[in-house]
Amino acid sequence: MSANSFTARSITREAAARLVSDAIAASERVGFEPVVAIVDAAGNLKAFERSDKSSYLAINIAIDKAYTAASFGLSTSQWVDLLEDRGASNLRHIPRVVAAAGGFPIMEDGAIIGGLGISGGSWSQDQEAGEEALRNFGQ
């Protein structure tokens, strides 16, 4: 390893596909048809699935939830409280930052390896499905 670079970890295609399946199954148990997005550690789309009856608007919301969570290692539900802070409130104007439940960092050994975004249900359904999917994933 060079003094001028570092090795970054990121979610694999296989793990992303498995997490998408877990998230869809969890969403169905919770009672809605989801849009599920997985981004890699750099916030680039890695895996994606949209249920047949999901909203078109939910597509970009799910992708941006995953991006937001991976970018800072915070769930998007934590962003709701964070943006209430006067010092951080200007962050709400940054494109792609989403402060709504359903976005989660994907962690491995304390490192961010990606982000999960679920959209299509209510805020509590998106949150519940994501939490269940990550538990099944081993987080």
Protein backbone atom coordinates (compact mmCIF):
# COMPACT_ATOMS: atom_id res chain seq x y z
CA MET A 1 0.00 0.00 0.00
CA SER A 2 1.26 3.42 -0.95
CA ALA A 3 1.40 6.46 1.31
CA ASN A 4 -0.62 8.25 -1.38
CA SER A 5 -3.63 5.93 -1.51
CA PHE A 6 -5.86 3.65 0.50
CA THR A 7 -8.01 0.61 -0.12
CA ALA A 8 -11.74 1.16 0.20
CA ARG A 9 -14.28 -1.56 0.95
CA SER A 10 -17.56 -1.80 -0.90
CA ILE A 11 -20.56 -4.12 -1.07
CA THR A 12 -20.33 -6.97 -3.56
CA ARG A 13 -22.86 -7.57 -6.31
CA GLU A 14 -23.89 -10.84 -4.67
CA ALA A 15 -24.42 -9.22 -1.26
CA ALA A 16 -26.36 -6.34 -2.85
CA ALA A 17 -28.65 -8.77 -4.68
CA ARG A 18 -29.24 -10.73 -1.47
CA LEU A 19 -30.09 -7.54 0.42
CA VAL A 20 -32.53 -6.46 -2.31
CA SER A 21 -34.32 -9.81 -1.96
CA ASP A 22 -34.41 -9.49 1.83
CA ALA A 23 -35.78 -5.94 1.56
CA ILE A 24 -38.52 -6.94 -0.87
CA ALA A 25 -39.56 -9.85 1.35
CA ALA A 26 -39.58 -7.60 4.43
CA SER A 27 -41.62 -4.94 2.62
CA GLU A 28 -44.19 -7.50 1.56
CA ARG A 29 -44.49 -8.72 5.16
CA VAL A 30 -44.96 -5.11 6.31
CA GLY A 31 -47.63 -4.65 3.64
CA PHE A 32 -46.42 -2.59 0.67
CA GLU A 33 -44.78 -2.93 -2.73
CA PRO A 34 -41.37 -1.29 -2.52
CA VAL A 35 -38.67 0.26 -4.59
CA VAL A 36 -35.31 -0.94 -3.25
CA ALA A 37 -31.94 0.59 -4.10
CA ILE A 38 -28.47 -0.43 -3.01
CA VAL A 39 -25.52 1.87 -3.59
CA ASP A 40 -21.85 1.08 -3.14
CA ALA A 41 -19.60 2.88 -0.66
CA ALA A 42 -19.14 5.77 -3.12
CA GLY A 43 -22.91 6.23 -3.51
CA ASN A 44 -23.17 4.71 -7.00
CA LEU A 45 -26.13 2.47 -7.77
CA LYS A 46 -25.19 -1.19 -7.36
CA ALA A 47 -28.55 -3.01 -7.31
CA PHE A 48 -32.14 -1.95 -7.86
CA GLU A 49 -35.61 -3.45 -7.96
CA ARG A 50 -39.03 -1.85 -8.40
CA SER A 51 -42.24 -3.68 -7.64
CA ASP A 52 -44.86 -3.61 -10.37
CA LYS A 53 -47.31 -1.44 -8.45
CA SER A 54 -44.83 0.96 -6.87
CA SER A 55 -44.91 4.68 -7.55
CA TYR A 56 -42.60 6.19 -10.17
CA LEU A 57 -41.69 8.93 -7.72
CA ALA A 58 -40.46 6.27 -5.29
CA ILE A 59 -37.66 5.33 -7.71
CA ASN A 60 -35.48 8.39 -7.17
CA ILE A 61 -36.48 8.63 -3.52
CA ALA A 62 -35.15 5.11 -2.82
CA ILE A 63 -31.91 5.77 -4.72
CA ASP A 64 -31.37 9.08 -2.92
CA LYS A 65 -32.14 7.53 0.49
CA ALA A 66 -29.42 4.94 -0.15
CA TYR A 67 -27.02 7.65 -1.36
CA THR A 68 -27.68 9.85 1.69
CA ALA A 69 -27.15 6.97 4.12
CA ALA A 70 -23.91 5.83 2.47
CA SER A 71 -22.54 9.35 2.22
CA PHE A 72 -22.43 10.03 5.94
CA GLY A 73 -23.01 6.66 7.57
CA LEU A 74 -26.26 7.86 9.12
CA SER A 75 -29.75 6.53 8.54
CA THR A 76 -32.06 8.94 6.78
CA SER A 77 -34.33 8.94 9.82
CA GLN A 78 -31.39 10.41 11.77
CA TRP A 79 -31.20 13.17 9.16
CA VAL A 80 -34.67 14.34 10.19
CA ASP A 81 -33.32 15.31 13.62
CA LEU A 82 -29.98 16.49 12.26
CA LEU A 83 -31.58 19.02 9.92
CA GLU A 84 -33.53 20.53 12.81
CA ASP A 85 -30.17 21.73 14.16
CA ARG A 86 -29.62 25.32 13.05
CA GLY A 87 -25.98 24.65 12.24
CA ALA A 88 -26.82 21.77 9.89
CA SER A 89 -30.10 23.04 8.44
CA ASN A 90 -28.48 24.29 5.23
CA LEU A 91 -27.61 20.70 4.34
CA ARG A 92 -31.26 20.19 3.35
CA HIS A 93 -30.53 22.18 0.18
CA ILE A 94 -27.86 19.79 -1.06
CA PRO A 95 -29.16 17.77 -4.03
CA ARG A 96 -29.97 14.12 -3.27
CA VAL A 97 -29.98 14.53 0.54
CA VAL A 98 -33.15 12.87 1.83
CA ALA A 99 -34.37 13.28 5.39
CA ALA A 100 -37.12 10.65 5.49
CA ALA A 101 -37.10 7.19 7.03
CA GLY A 102 -36.06 4.25 4.88
CA GLY A 103 -32.37 4.87 4.14
CA PHE A 104 -29.65 2.94 5.96
CA PRO A 105 -25.87 2.70 5.81
CA ILE A 106 -24.63 -0.82 5.15
CA MET A 107 -21.76 -1.51 7.51
CA GLU A 108 -19.15 -4.22 7.83
CA ASP A 109 -16.60 -4.28 10.64
CA GLY A 110 -17.25 -0.59 11.35
CA ALA A 111 -16.76 0.50 7.73
CA ILE A 112 -19.45 1.82 5.38
CA ILE A 113 -19.70 -0.57 2.43
CA GLY A 114 -22.88 0.85 0.90
CA GLY A 115 -26.37 2.17 1.46
CA LEU A 116 -29.88 0.73 1.36
CA GLY A 117 -32.88 2.80 0.33
CA ILE A 118 -36.50 1.65 0.52
CA SER A 119 -39.45 3.68 -0.67
CA GLY A 120 -43.07 3.05 -1.49
CA GLY A 121 -44.67 2.65 1.91
CA SER A 122 -45.32 5.09 4.70
CA TRP A 123 -42.27 6.40 6.54
CA SER A 124 -42.78 3.78 9.27
CA GLN A 125 -43.22 0.94 6.75
CA ASP A 126 -40.06 1.93 4.88
CA GLN A 127 -38.18 2.07 8.18
CA GLU A 128 -39.52 -1.25 9.48
CA ALA A 129 -38.78 -3.10 6.24
CA GLY A 130 -35.23 -1.73 6.10
CA GLU A 131 -34.50 -2.63 9.71
CA GLU A 132 -35.77 -6.18 9.14
CA ALA A 133 -33.78 -6.59 5.92
CA LEU A 134 -30.57 -5.44 7.60
CA ARG A 135 -31.14 -7.78 10.56
CA ASN A 136 -31.52 -10.67 8.11
CA PHE A 137 -28.39 -9.45 6.31
CA GLY A 138 -26.46 -9.71 9.57
CA GLN A 139 -26.35 -6.08 10.68
